Amino acid sequence: MTVVSLAASSAPAVRSSSSVVVGSPSNFWLFSHRHGFDMTHPATPDAPPVYPRLTLTTSNSPVTIAPAKTALVIIDMQNFFLSAAMGRKRGEGHEAEAVLLEQGIPAAREAGIQVVWLTWGISEEAIKTLPPTVWRIFGWEIADDDQGFEVPAGADDQASGPFIRVPERKSHGGIGSELGSVTLADGSVVDAGKMLLRDQWNTRLHGPLEEAFEAGQRAAVPDVRFHKERLSGLWGDAHSNHLETFLRKRGLQTLLFAGVNTDQCVLATVQDASSKGFDTVLLRDGCGTTSPEYARQMVDFNCQKSWGFISSCEALARGVKGMVKDKPMDGGGS
């Protein structure tokens, strides 16, 4: 196989084997019409194939990944968003939780993929510098009575088209406010703690996911957990973001995303990950949202190319079953 230069070019370099090098010398994929995208990140385009390796079907081209360089990132699946004690009704997030417990997490464990739990957990220090945008997310609500206010129509409205006008009002509480006592399914009463602050009951992982995390401490590749203080868990530079520091140090280049809400914190983290050069794959059946269907459709449309790929926990489980752990005896590769 000829060595291919990855010098700056307006188009990917083509290898003699008809595969295409996509990217730069420090971060590249290999593409072939037969196998799709190879995202195993060998040292050079002509280096021997990386093993173990597994292939995921996606909404378009298949992708091949190296489990040792991959992390399953599960976002915001905590009591505040999922617990019935917090008034949350069963929905997509709970369906995603079930799929993760039945397929996604077991498959990741079997393959040796790092499981990362990423949840809101604002520190007492960070709350002092939160931007207005974050305060508004959790401190304002849609006004359903005459206490709201309308934004008056202006002359510019006619030129730019109709606007969806939703009156807002300041809600009681907000980030850092006391949520009070809540009653669990077994009848016990607990203090939910301060809204979205770390080390509170409301920011603990939800029910069986907490058990999965604890079990993950005994896995061959132990689970890790990180707190976030913005919608994205990867905002900021590599020096200030503990999750990014961990991923870089461990050589985890391919990120499989799951969690809630699909179009908010999950998407924000996917976008930042993609911009920082990580491979991004959204596991659609491992995600859920309370937003309207068109919000999910937007994510689906963009995540399948602009922000990476769309796959599923089911596809991950299938891929792990077909995982190639060692170089074939006949010397074949990908």
C-alpha atoms as a PDB file:
ATOM      1  CA  MET A   1       0.000   0.000   0.000  1.00  0.00           C
ATOM      2  CA  THR A   2       1.463   3.345  -0.962  1.00  0.00           C
ATOM      3  CA  VAL A   3       2.040   6.014   1.645  1.00  0.00           C
ATOM      4  CA  VAL A   4      -0.326   8.928   1.231  1.00  0.00           C
ATOM      5  CA  SER A   5       0.597  12.497   2.038  1.00  0.00           C
ATOM      6  CA  LEU A   6      -1.995  14.397   4.041  1.00  0.00           C
ATOM      7  CA  ALA A   7      -0.687  17.805   3.064  1.00  0.00           C
ATOM      8  CA  ALA A   8      -3.248  20.602   2.990  1.00  0.00           C
ATOM      9  CA  SER A   9      -5.600  20.121   0.075  1.00  0.00           C
ATOM     10  CA  SER A  10      -9.057  21.144  -1.027  1.00  0.00           C
ATOM     11  CA  ALA A  11     -10.088  17.481  -1.289  1.00  0.00           C
ATOM     12  CA  PRO A  12      -9.290  14.218   0.509  1.00  0.00           C
ATOM     13  CA  ALA A  13      -6.309  12.243  -0.760  1.00  0.00           C
ATOM     14  CA  VAL A  14      -7.138   8.998  -2.586  1.00  0.00           C
ATOM     15  CA  ARG A  15      -5.230   5.846  -1.713  1.00  0.00           C
ATOM     16  CA  SER A  16      -4.187   3.206  -4.187  1.00  0.00           C
ATOM     17  CA  SER A  17      -6.636   0.823  -2.527  1.00  0.00           C
ATOM     18  CA  SER A  18      -9.476   3.185  -3.516  1.00  0.00           C
ATOM     19  CA  SER A  19     -10.065   4.254   0.069  1.00  0.00           C
ATOM     20  CA  VAL A  20     -10.061   7.955   0.839  1.00  0.00           C
ATOM     21  CA  VAL A  21      -8.230   9.726   3.630  1.00  0.00           C
ATOM     22  CA  VAL A  22     -10.524  12.281   5.244  1.00  0.00           C
ATOM     23  CA  GLY A  23      -9.001  14.847   7.587  1.00  0.00           C
ATOM     24  CA  SER A  24      -5.509  15.881   8.648  1.00  0.00           C
ATOM     25  CA  PRO A  25      -2.327  14.025   9.666  1.00  0.00           C
ATOM     26  CA  SER A  26      -3.303  14.254  13.334  1.00  0.00           C
ATOM     27  CA  ASN A  27      -6.984  13.355  12.955  1.00  0.00           C
ATOM     28  CA  PHE A  28      -8.322  11.401  10.008  1.00  0.00           C
ATOM     29  CA  TRP A  29     -10.835   8.797   8.882  1.00  0.00           C
ATOM     30  CA  LEU A  30     -10.585   6.314   6.032  1.00  0.00           C
ATOM     31  CA  PHE A  31     -13.504   5.909   3.643  1.00  0.00           C
ATOM     32  CA  SER A  32     -14.344   3.195   1.142  1.00  0.00           C
ATOM     33  CA  HIS A  33     -17.589   2.549  -0.699  1.00  0.00           C
ATOM     34  CA  ARG A  34     -17.504  -1.044   0.495  1.00  0.00           C
ATOM     35  CA  HIS A  35     -16.936  -0.450   4.219  1.00  0.00           C
ATOM     36  CA  GLY A  36     -17.994   3.146   4.818  1.00  0.00           C
ATOM     37  CA  PHE A  37     -15.997   5.221   7.317  1.00  0.00           C
ATOM     38  CA  ASP A  38     -13.148   3.701   9.314  1.00  0.00           C
ATOM     39  CA  MET A  39     -12.873   5.816  12.493  1.00  0.00           C
ATOM     40  CA  THR A  40     -10.396   3.572  14.332  1.00  0.00           C
ATOM     41  CA  HIS A  41      -7.618   6.168  14.072  1.00  0.00           C
ATOM     42  CA  PRO A  42      -4.489   4.186  13.185  1.00  0.00           C
ATOM     43  CA  ALA A  43      -1.165   6.020  13.493  1.00  0.00           C
ATOM     44  CA  THR A  44      -1.000   6.621   9.734  1.00  0.00           C
ATOM     45  CA  PRO A  45      -3.323   5.854   6.801  1.00  0.00           C
ATOM     46  CA  ASP A  46      -1.128   2.896   5.819  1.00  0.00           C
ATOM     47  CA  ALA A  47      -0.634   1.493   9.311  1.00  0.00           C
ATOM     48  CA  PRO A  48      -2.066  -1.983  10.019  1.00  0.00           C
ATOM     49  CA  PRO A  49      -5.767  -2.052  10.981  1.00  0.00           C
ATOM     50  CA  VAL A  50      -6.617  -1.332  14.610  1.00  0.00           C
ATOM     51  CA  TYR A  51      -8.044  -4.209  16.698  1.00  0.00           C
ATOM     52  CA  PRO A  52     -10.440  -4.795  18.362  1.00  0.00           C
ATOM     53  CA  ARG A  53     -12.868  -3.098  15.985  1.00  0.00           C
ATOM     54  CA  LEU A  54     -16.604  -3.133  15.435  1.00  0.00           C
ATOM     55  CA  THR A  55     -18.963  -1.688  12.863  1.00  0.00           C
ATOM     56  CA  LEU A  56     -22.117   0.324  13.520  1.00  0.00           C
ATOM     57  CA  THR A  57     -24.893   0.759  11.018  1.00  0.00           C
ATOM     58  CA  THR A  58     -26.009   4.381  10.787  1.00  0.00           C
ATOM     59  CA  SER A  59     -28.693   6.320   8.952  1.00  0.00           C
ATOM     60  CA  ASN A  60     -26.308   6.524   5.993  1.00  0.00           C
ATOM     61  CA  SER A  61     -22.781   5.029   5.771  1.00  0.00           C
ATOM     62  CA  PRO A  62     -21.605   2.399   8.264  1.00  0.00           C
ATOM     63  CA  VAL A  63     -18.815   3.407  10.650  1.00  0.00           C
ATOM     64  CA  THR A  64     -16.104   1.213  12.138  1.00  0.00           C
ATOM     65  CA  ILE A  65     -14.804   2.173  15.565  1.00  0.00           C
ATOM     66  CA  ALA A  66     -12.143   1.022  18.010  1.00  0.00           C
ATOM     67  CA  PRO A  67     -13.739   0.245  21.404  1.00  0.00           C
ATOM     68  CA  ALA A  68     -10.542   1.203  23.244  1.00  0.00           C
ATOM     69  CA  LYS A  69     -10.785   4.689  21.728  1.00  0.00           C
ATOM     70  CA  THR A  70     -14.532   5.084  22.274  1.00  0.00           C
ATOM     71  CA  ALA A  71     -16.744   6.421  25.070  1.00  0.00           C
ATOM     72  CA  LEU A  72     -20.487   6.141  25.623  1.00  0.00           C
ATOM     73  CA  VAL A  73     -21.529   9.550  27.000  1.00  0.00           C
ATOM     74  CA  ILE A  74     -24.884   9.494  28.841  1.00  0.00           C
ATOM     75  CA  ILE A  75     -26.221  12.986  29.486  1.00  0.00           C
ATOM     76  CA  ASP A  76     -28.542  14.383  32.195  1.00  0.00           C
ATOM     77  CA  MET A  77     -30.399  11.183  33.071  1.00  0.00           C
ATOM     78  CA  GLN A  78     -30.886  12.320  36.655  1.00  0.00           C
ATOM     79  CA  ASN A  79     -33.750  12.642  39.117  1.00  0.00           C
ATOM     80  CA  PHE A  80     -34.504  16.255  38.283  1.00  0.00           C
ATOM     81  CA  PHE A  81     -35.491  15.318  34.729  1.00  0.00           C
ATOM     82  CA  LEU A  82     -36.807  11.766  35.127  1.00  0.00           C
ATOM     83  CA  SER A  83     -38.146  11.104  38.622  1.00  0.00           C
ATOM     84  CA  ALA A  84     -41.892  10.821  39.165  1.00  0.00           C
ATOM     85  CA  ALA A  85     -41.242  12.356  42.583  1.00  0.00           C
ATOM     86  CA  MET A  86     -40.328  15.534  40.718  1.00  0.00           C
ATOM     87  CA  GLY A  87     -43.588  15.374  38.794  1.00  0.00           C
ATOM     88  CA  ARG A  88     -42.060  13.920  35.633  1.00  0.00           C
ATOM     89  CA  LYS A  89     -44.466  11.833  33.578  1.00  0.00           C
ATOM     90  CA  ARG A  90     -43.261   8.777  31.717  1.00  0.00           C
ATOM     91  CA  GLY A  91     -41.983   9.754  28.296  1.00  0.00           C
ATOM     92  CA  GLU A  92     -39.173   9.400  25.782  1.00  0.00           C
ATOM     93  CA  GLY A  93     -36.500   9.813  28.437  1.00  0.00           C
ATOM     94  CA  HIS A  94     -37.764   6.764  30.312  1.00  0.00           C
ATOM     95  CA  GLU A  95     -37.949   4.766  27.090  1.00  0.00           C
ATOM     96  CA  ALA A  96     -34.349   5.745  26.351  1.00  0.00           C
ATOM     97  CA  GLU A  97     -33.395   4.742  29.891  1.00  0.00           C
ATOM     98  CA  ALA A  98     -34.819   1.259  29.330  1.00  0.00           C
ATOM     99  CA  VAL A  99     -32.972   0.834  26.026  1.00  0.00           C
ATOM    100  CA  LEU A 100     -29.695   1.936  27.588  1.00  0.00           C
ATOM    101  CA  LEU A 101     -30.102  -0.501  30.468  1.00  0.00           C
ATOM    102  CA  GLU A 102     -31.103  -3.388  28.209  1.00  0.00           C
ATOM    103  CA  GLN A 103     -28.768  -2.832  25.254  1.00  0.00           C
ATOM    104  CA  GLY A 104     -26.539   0.234  25.225  1.00  0.00           C
ATOM    105  CA  ILE A 105     -24.721  -0.059  28.548  1.00  0.00           C
ATOM    106  CA  PRO A 106     -24.303  -3.880  28.489  1.00  0.00           C
ATOM    107  CA  ALA A 107     -22.936  -3.674  24.936  1.00  0.00           C
ATOM    108  CA  ALA A 108     -20.471  -0.959  25.910  1.00  0.00           C
ATOM    109  CA  ARG A 109     -19.313  -2.999  28.901  1.00  0.00           C
ATOM    110  CA  GLU A 110     -18.823  -6.134  26.810  1.00  0.00           C
ATOM    111  CA  ALA A 111     -16.772  -4.253  24.230  1.00  0.00           C
ATOM    112  CA  GLY A 112     -14.642  -2.418  26.779  1.00  0.00           C
ATOM    113  CA  ILE A 113     -16.060   0.978  25.820  1.00  0.00           C
ATOM    114  CA  GLN A 114     -15.669   3.663  28.473  1.00  0.00           C
ATOM    115  CA  VAL A 115     -19.026   4.682  29.989  1.00  0.00           C
ATOM    116  CA  VAL A 116     -19.202   8.369  30.940  1.00  0.00           C
ATOM    117  CA  TRP A 117     -22.068   9.820  32.980  1.00  0.00           C
ATOM    118  CA  LEU A 118     -22.431  13.558  32.381  1.00  0.00           C
ATOM    119  CA  THR A 119     -24.987  15.464  34.459  1.00  0.00           C
ATOM    120  CA  TRP A 120     -25.899  18.888  35.740  1.00  0.00           C
ATOM    121  CA  GLY A 121     -24.100  19.556  39.016  1.00  0.00           C
ATOM    122  CA  ILE A 122     -23.380  23.241  39.510  1.00  0.00           C
ATOM    123  CA  SER A 123     -20.914  24.153  42.237  1.00  0.00           C
ATOM    124  CA  GLU A 124     -21.564  26.855  44.828  1.00  0.00           C
ATOM    125  CA  GLU A 125     -18.675  28.794  43.313  1.00  0.00           C
ATOM    126  CA  ALA A 126     -19.820  28.462  39.691  1.00  0.00           C
ATOM    127  CA  ILE A 127     -23.332  29.649  40.479  1.00  0.00           C
ATOM    128  CA  LYS A 128     -21.863  33.092  41.116  1.00  0.00           C
ATOM    129  CA  THR A 129     -20.855  33.489  37.470  1.00  0.00           C
ATOM    130  CA  LEU A 130     -23.643  31.706  35.578  1.00  0.00           C
ATOM    131  CA  PRO A 131     -24.704  33.732  32.516  1.00  0.00           C
ATOM    132  CA  PRO A 132     -28.269  35.090  32.198  1.00  0.00           C
ATOM    133  CA  THR A 133     -29.129  32.494  29.555  1.00  0.00           C
ATOM    134  CA  VAL A 134     -28.712  29.613  32.014  1.00  0.00           C
ATOM    135  CA  TRP A 135     -30.708  31.395  34.735  1.00  0.00           C
ATOM    136  CA  ARG A 136     -33.562  31.955  32.290  1.00  0.00           C
ATOM    137  CA  ILE A 137     -33.749  28.278  31.272  1.00  0.00           C
ATOM    138  CA  PHE A 138     -34.669  27.133  34.766  1.00  0.00           C
ATOM    139  CA  GLY A 139     -36.090  30.329  36.269  1.00  0.00           C
ATOM    140  CA  TRP A 140     -38.733  31.435  33.774  1.00  0.00           C
ATOM    141  CA  GLU A 141     -41.847  29.655  32.560  1.00  0.00           C
ATOM    142  CA  ILE A 142     -44.527  30.057  29.932  1.00  0.00           C
ATOM    143  CA  ALA A 143     -47.295  32.301  31.225  1.00  0.00           C
ATOM    144  CA  ASP A 144     -50.689  30.603  30.921  1.00  0.00           C
ATOM    145  CA  ASP A 145     -52.700  33.466  32.349  1.00  0.00           C
ATOM    146  CA  ASP A 146     -52.942  37.226  32.088  1.00  0.00           C
ATOM    147  CA  GLN A 147     -49.861  37.734  34.248  1.00  0.00           C
ATOM    148  CA  GLY A 148     -47.692  37.209  31.188  1.00  0.00           C
ATOM    149  CA  PHE A 149     -46.849  39.858  28.649  1.00  0.00           C
ATOM    150  CA  GLU A 150     -46.921  40.119  24.883  1.00  0.00           C
ATOM    151  CA  VAL A 151     -44.088  41.505  22.790  1.00  0.00           C
ATOM    152  CA  PRO A 152     -45.679  44.216  20.638  1.00  0.00           C
ATOM    153  CA  ALA A 153     -45.561  43.693  16.896  1.00  0.00           C
ATOM    154  CA  GLY A 154     -43.227  46.019  15.035  1.00  0.00           C
ATOM    155  CA  ALA A 155     -42.796  47.116  11.474  1.00  0.00           C
ATOM    156  CA  ASP A 156     -39.967  44.629  10.979  1.00  0.00           C
ATOM    157  CA  ASP A 157     -42.327  41.715  11.647  1.00  0.00           C
ATOM    158  CA  GLN A 158     -43.996  42.097   8.284  1.00  0.00           C
ATOM    159  CA  ALA A 159     -40.705  41.743   6.438  1.00  0.00           C
ATOM    160  CA  SER A 160     -39.312  38.804   8.382  1.00  0.00           C
ATOM    161  CA  GLY A 161     -42.491  36.744   8.623  1.00  0.00           C
ATOM    162  CA  PRO A 162     -44.659  35.625  11.525  1.00  0.00           C
ATOM    163  CA  PHE A 163     -43.213  35.116  14.994  1.00  0.00           C
ATOM    164  CA  ILE A 164     -44.303  32.630  17.613  1.00  0.00           C
ATOM    165  CA  ARG A 165     -45.064  34.846  20.575  1.00  0.00           C
ATOM    166  CA  VAL A 166     -44.886  33.086  23.920  1.00  0.00           C
ATOM    167  CA  PRO A 167     -45.405  35.219  27.039  1.00  0.00           C
ATOM    168  CA  GLU A 168     -43.037  34.445  29.916  1.00  0.00           C
ATOM    169  CA  ARG A 169     -43.009  35.087  33.621  1.00  0.00           C
ATOM    170  CA  LYS A 170     -40.530  34.585  36.421  1.00  0.00           C
ATOM    171  CA  SER A 171     -41.206  31.282  38.144  1.00  0.00           C
ATOM    172  CA  HIS A 172     -40.784  30.578  41.816  1.00  0.00           C
ATOM    173  CA  GLY A 173     -37.333  29.308  42.633  1.00  0.00           C
ATOM    174  CA  GLY A 174     -34.707  28.560  40.012  1.00  0.00           C
ATOM    175  CA  ILE A 175     -31.152  27.275  40.052  1.00  0.00           C
ATOM    176  CA  GLY A 176     -29.926  26.833  43.610  1.00  0.00           C
ATOM    177  CA  SER A 177     -33.378  27.172  45.166  1.00  0.00           C
ATOM    178  CA  GLU A 178     -34.597  24.639  47.714  1.00  0.00           C
ATOM    179  CA  LEU A 179     -36.881  22.058  46.081  1.00  0.00           C
ATOM    180  CA  GLY A 180     -38.193  20.750  49.395  1.00  0.00           C
ATOM    181  CA  SER A 181     -39.214  17.235  50.364  1.00  0.00           C
ATOM    182  CA  VAL A 182     -40.488  14.727  47.806  1.00  0.00           C
ATOM    183  CA  THR A 183     -42.153  11.347  48.224  1.00  0.00           C
ATOM    184  CA  LEU A 184     -40.641   8.356  46.442  1.00  0.00           C
ATOM    185  CA  ALA A 185     -42.504   5.377  44.990  1.00  0.00           C
ATOM    186  CA  ASP A 186     -41.851   3.320  48.122  1.00  0.00           C
ATOM    187  CA  GLY A 187     -43.448   5.988  50.293  1.00  0.00           C
ATOM    188  CA  SER A 188     -40.216   7.297  51.760  1.00  0.00           C
ATOM    189  CA  VAL A 189     -39.628  11.037  51.901  1.00  0.00           C
ATOM    190  CA  VAL A 190     -36.335  12.645  50.893  1.00  0.00           C
ATOM    191  CA  ASP A 191     -35.007  16.168  50.648  1.00  0.00           C
ATOM    192  CA  ALA A 192     -34.655  16.928  46.933  1.00  0.00           C
ATOM    193  CA  GLY A 193     -32.031  19.552  47.735  1.00  0.00           C
ATOM    194  CA  LYS A 194     -31.056  22.680  45.845  1.00  0.00           C
ATOM    195  CA  MET A 195     -32.021  22.783  42.179  1.00  0.00           C
ATOM    196  CA  LEU A 196     -29.266  21.416  39.910  1.00  0.00           C
ATOM    197  CA  LEU A 197     -26.470  21.887  42.426  1.00  0.00           C
ATOM    198  CA  ARG A 198     -24.056  19.009  42.795  1.00  0.00           C
ATOM    199  CA  ASP A 199     -24.328  16.429  45.576  1.00  0.00           C
ATOM    200  CA  GLN A 200     -28.110  16.847  45.871  1.00  0.00           C
ATOM    201  CA  TRP A 201     -30.815  14.183  45.504  1.00  0.00           C
ATOM    202  CA  ASN A 202     -32.264  15.954  42.443  1.00  0.00           C
ATOM    203  CA  THR A 203     -28.930  15.739  40.620  1.00  0.00           C
ATOM    204  CA  ARG A 204     -28.327  12.063  41.415  1.00  0.00           C
ATOM    205  CA  LEU A 205     -28.668   9.580  38.570  1.00  0.00           C
ATOM    206  CA  HIS A 206     -32.211   8.315  38.185  1.00  0.00           C
ATOM    207  CA  GLY A 207     -33.189   5.043  39.875  1.00  0.00           C
ATOM    208  CA  PRO A 208     -31.816   2.039  38.003  1.00  0.00           C
ATOM    209  CA  LEU A 209     -29.205   4.203  36.293  1.00  0.00           C
ATOM    210  CA  GLU A 210     -27.676   4.960  39.687  1.00  0.00           C
ATOM    211  CA  GLU A 211     -27.456   1.205  40.218  1.00  0.00           C
ATOM    212  CA  ALA A 212     -25.893   0.785  36.766  1.00  0.00           C
ATOM    213  CA  PHE A 213     -23.283   3.428  37.594  1.00  0.00           C
ATOM    214  CA  GLU A 214     -22.423   1.738  40.888  1.00  0.00           C
ATOM    215  CA  ALA A 215     -22.102  -1.615  39.120  1.00  0.00           C
ATOM    216  CA  GLY A 216     -19.911   0.108  36.567  1.00  0.00           C
ATOM    217  CA  GLN A 217     -17.360   0.894  39.253  1.00  0.00           C
ATOM    218  CA  ARG A 218     -16.513  -2.810  39.191  1.00  0.00           C
ATOM    219  CA  ALA A 219     -16.326  -3.086  35.396  1.00  0.00           C
ATOM    220  CA  ALA A 220     -13.084  -3.865  33.570  1.00  0.00           C
ATOM    221  CA  VAL A 221     -13.209  -0.260  32.379  1.00  0.00           C
ATOM    222  CA  PRO A 222     -14.749   1.548  35.385  1.00  0.00           C
ATOM    223  CA  ASP A 223     -17.471   4.122  34.766  1.00  0.00           C
ATOM    224  CA  VAL A 224     -16.677   7.778  35.354  1.00  0.00           C
ATOM    225  CA  ARG A 225     -18.949  10.714  36.106  1.00  0.00           C
ATOM    226  CA  PHE A 226     -18.577  14.412  35.357  1.00  0.00           C
ATOM    227  CA  HIS A 227     -20.638  17.442  36.332  1.00  0.00           C
ATOM    228  CA  LYS A 228     -21.564  20.202  33.915  1.00  0.00           C
ATOM    229  CA  GLU A 229     -22.649  23.796  34.415  1.00  0.00           C
ATOM    230  CA  ARG A 230     -23.925  24.639  30.943  1.00  0.00           C
ATOM    231  CA  LEU A 231     -26.143  22.876  28.416  1.00  0.00           C
ATOM    232  CA  SER A 232     -23.003  21.514  26.786  1.00  0.00           C
ATOM    233  CA  GLY A 233     -20.736  19.301  28.819  1.00  0.00           C
ATOM    234  CA  LEU A 234     -17.800  20.228  26.582  1.00  0.00           C
ATOM    235  CA  TRP A 235     -17.964  24.015  26.653  1.00  0.00           C
ATOM    236  CA  GLY A 236     -14.744  25.861  27.442  1.00  0.00           C
ATOM    237  CA  ASP A 237     -11.151  24.995  26.617  1.00  0.00           C
ATOM    238  CA  ALA A 238      -9.401  21.701  27.215  1.00  0.00           C
ATOM    239  CA  HIS A 239      -7.625  23.027  30.307  1.00  0.00           C
ATOM    240  CA  SER A 240     -10.789  24.113  32.132  1.00  0.00           C
ATOM    241  CA  ASN A 241     -13.102  21.298  31.022  1.00  0.00           C
ATOM    242  CA  HIS A 242     -12.469  18.189  33.123  1.00  0.00           C
ATOM    243  CA  LEU A 243     -14.352  15.886  30.757  1.00  0.00           C
ATOM    244  CA  GLU A 244     -12.320  16.961  27.741  1.00  0.00           C
ATOM    245  CA  THR A 245      -9.108  16.604  29.728  1.00  0.00           C
ATOM    246  CA  PHE A 246     -10.101  13.044  30.647  1.00  0.00           C
ATOM    247  CA  LEU A 247     -11.031  12.115  27.072  1.00  0.00           C
ATOM    248  CA  ARG A 248      -7.798  13.496  25.620  1.00  0.00           C
ATOM    249  CA  LYS A 249      -5.644  11.829  28.266  1.00  0.00           C
ATOM    250  CA  ARG A 250      -7.277   8.440  27.667  1.00  0.00           C
ATOM    251  CA  GLY A 251      -7.144   8.750  23.878  1.00  0.00           C
ATOM    252  CA  LEU A 252     -10.937   8.531  23.588  1.00  0.00           C
ATOM    253  CA  GLN A 253     -11.653   9.986  20.172  1.00  0.00           C
ATOM    254  CA  THR A 254     -15.038   8.509  19.244  1.00  0.00           C
ATOM    255  CA  LEU A 255     -18.044   9.554  21.332  1.00  0.00           C
ATOM    256  CA  LEU A 256     -21.417   7.775  21.331  1.00  0.00           C
ATOM    257  CA  PHE A 257     -24.106  10.062  22.748  1.00  0.00           C
ATOM    258  CA  ALA A 258     -27.283   9.251  24.674  1.00  0.00           C
ATOM    259  CA  GLY A 259     -29.477  11.025  27.226  1.00  0.00           C
ATOM    260  CA  VAL A 260     -31.933  13.901  27.605  1.00  0.00           C
ATOM    261  CA  ASN A 261     -32.998  16.216  26.175  1.00  0.00           C
ATOM    262  CA  THR A 262     -32.066  15.239  22.632  1.00  0.00           C
ATOM    263  CA  ASP A 263     -32.382  18.730  21.178  1.00  0.00           C
ATOM    264  CA  GLN A 264     -30.939  20.620  24.132  1.00  0.00           C
ATOM    265  CA  CYS A 265     -28.109  19.345  26.339  1.00  0.00           C
ATOM    266  CA  VAL A 266     -27.380  16.278  24.208  1.00  0.00           C
ATOM    267  CA  LEU A 267     -27.233  18.279  20.996  1.00  0.00           C
ATOM    268  CA  ALA A 268     -25.221  21.108  22.573  1.00  0.00           C
ATOM    269  CA  THR A 269     -22.599  18.604  23.726  1.00  0.00           C
ATOM    270  CA  VAL A 270     -22.562  16.847  20.350  1.00  0.00           C
ATOM    271  CA  GLN A 271     -21.951  20.160  18.598  1.00  0.00           C
ATOM    272  CA  ASP A 272     -19.084  21.133  20.881  1.00  0.00           C
ATOM    273  CA  ALA A 273     -17.572  17.655  20.599  1.00  0.00           C
ATOM    274  CA  SER A 274     -17.727  17.811  16.822  1.00  0.00           C
ATOM    275  CA  SER A 275     -16.174  21.282  16.760  1.00  0.00           C
ATOM    276  CA  LYS A 276     -13.348  20.051  19.006  1.00  0.00           C
ATOM    277  CA  GLY A 277     -12.533  17.247  16.566  1.00  0.00           C
ATOM    278  CA  PHE A 278     -14.127  14.233  18.241  1.00  0.00           C
ATOM    279  CA  ASP A 279     -16.030  11.643  16.201  1.00  0.00           C
ATOM    280  CA  THR A 280     -19.691  12.019  17.151  1.00  0.00           C
ATOM    281  CA  VAL A 281     -22.416   9.371  16.900  1.00  0.00           C
ATOM    282  CA  LEU A 282     -25.916   9.967  18.294  1.00  0.00           C
ATOM    283  CA  LEU A 283     -27.609   6.799  19.575  1.00  0.00           C
ATOM    284  CA  ARG A 284     -31.144   7.773  18.666  1.00  0.00           C
ATOM    285  CA  ASP A 285     -33.018   5.168  20.719  1.00  0.00           C
ATOM    286  CA  GLY A 286     -30.900   6.084  23.734  1.00  0.00           C
ATOM    287  CA  CYS A 287     -32.092   9.694  23.639  1.00  0.00           C
ATOM    288  CA  GLY A 288     -35.361  11.381  24.536  1.00  0.00           C
ATOM    289  CA  THR A 289     -36.905  14.827  24.700  1.00  0.00           C
ATOM    290  CA  THR A 290     -40.024  16.582  25.928  1.00  0.00           C
ATOM    291  CA  SER A 291     -39.837  19.019  23.018  1.00  0.00           C
ATOM    292  CA  PRO A 292     -42.184  18.935  19.996  1.00  0.00           C
ATOM    293  CA  GLU A 293     -41.486  16.367  17.274  1.00  0.00           C
ATOM    294  CA  TYR A 294     -40.063  18.985  14.926  1.00  0.00           C
ATOM    295  CA  ALA A 295     -37.216  19.549  17.403  1.00  0.00           C
ATOM    296  CA  ARG A 296     -36.217  15.878  17.158  1.00  0.00           C
ATOM    297  CA  GLN A 297     -36.531  16.009  13.379  1.00  0.00           C
ATOM    298  CA  MET A 298     -34.104  18.922  13.268  1.00  0.00           C
ATOM    299  CA  VAL A 299     -31.598  16.950  15.335  1.00  0.00           C
ATOM    300  CA  ASP A 300     -32.010  13.874  13.139  1.00  0.00           C
ATOM    301  CA  PHE A 301     -31.545  15.900   9.969  1.00  0.00           C
ATOM    302  CA  ASN A 302     -28.356  17.597  11.155  1.00  0.00           C
ATOM    303  CA  CYS A 303     -26.747  14.855  13.234  1.00  0.00           C
ATOM    304  CA  GLN A 304     -26.627  12.423  10.347  1.00  0.00           C
ATOM    305  CA  LYS A 305     -24.036  14.537   8.541  1.00  0.00           C
ATOM    306  CA  SER A 306     -23.323  18.067   9.753  1.00  0.00           C
ATOM    307  CA  TRP A 307     -22.694  16.912  13.333  1.00  0.00           C
ATOM    308  CA  GLY A 308     -21.660  13.316  12.769  1.00  0.00           C
ATOM    309  CA  PHE A 309     -23.758  10.170  12.474  1.00  0.00           C
ATOM    310  CA  ILE A 310     -26.983   8.680  13.804  1.00  0.00           C
ATOM    311  CA  SER A 311     -26.977   5.093  15.041  1.00  0.00           C
ATOM    312  CA  SER A 312     -28.693   3.265  17.914  1.00  0.00           C
ATOM    313  CA  CYS A 313     -28.123   1.178  21.018  1.00  0.00           C
ATOM    314  CA  GLU A 314     -29.551  -1.737  19.072  1.00  0.00           C
ATOM    315  CA  ALA A 315     -26.926  -1.249  16.356  1.00  0.00           C
ATOM    316  CA  LEU A 316     -24.221  -1.024  19.016  1.00  0.00           C
ATOM    317  CA  ALA A 317     -25.343  -4.342  20.511  1.00  0.00           C
ATOM    318  CA  ARG A 318     -25.263  -5.948  17.050  1.00  0.00           C
ATOM    319  CA  GLY A 319     -21.872  -4.444  16.336  1.00  0.00           C
ATOM    320  CA  VAL A 320     -20.429  -5.806  19.563  1.00  0.00           C
ATOM    321  CA  LYS A 321     -21.672  -9.301  18.722  1.00  0.00           C
ATOM    322  CA  GLY A 322     -19.796  -9.070  15.427  1.00  0.00           C
ATOM    323  CA  MET A 323     -16.728  -7.375  16.918  1.00  0.00           C
ATOM    324  CA  VAL A 324     -13.403  -8.446  15.423  1.00  0.00           C
ATOM    325  CA  LYS A 325     -10.960  -8.739  18.324  1.00  0.00           C
ATOM    326  CA  ASP A 326      -7.818  -9.817  16.485  1.00  0.00           C
ATOM    327  CA  LYS A 327      -6.308  -9.670  13.038  1.00  0.00           C
ATOM    328  CA  PRO A 328      -7.786 -12.466  10.873  1.00  0.00           C
ATOM    329  CA  MET A 329      -5.439 -15.432  10.419  1.00  0.00           C
ATOM    330  CA  ASP A 330      -5.559 -15.036   6.639  1.00  0.00           C
ATOM    331  CA  GLY A 331      -4.035 -11.589   6.999  1.00  0.00           C
ATOM    332  CA  GLY A 332      -7.162  -9.796   5.834  1.00  0.00           C
ATOM    333  CA  GLY A 333      -8.069  -6.371   7.113  1.00  0.00           C
ATOM    334  CA  SER A 334     -10.868  -3.904   6.878  1.00  0.00           C
END
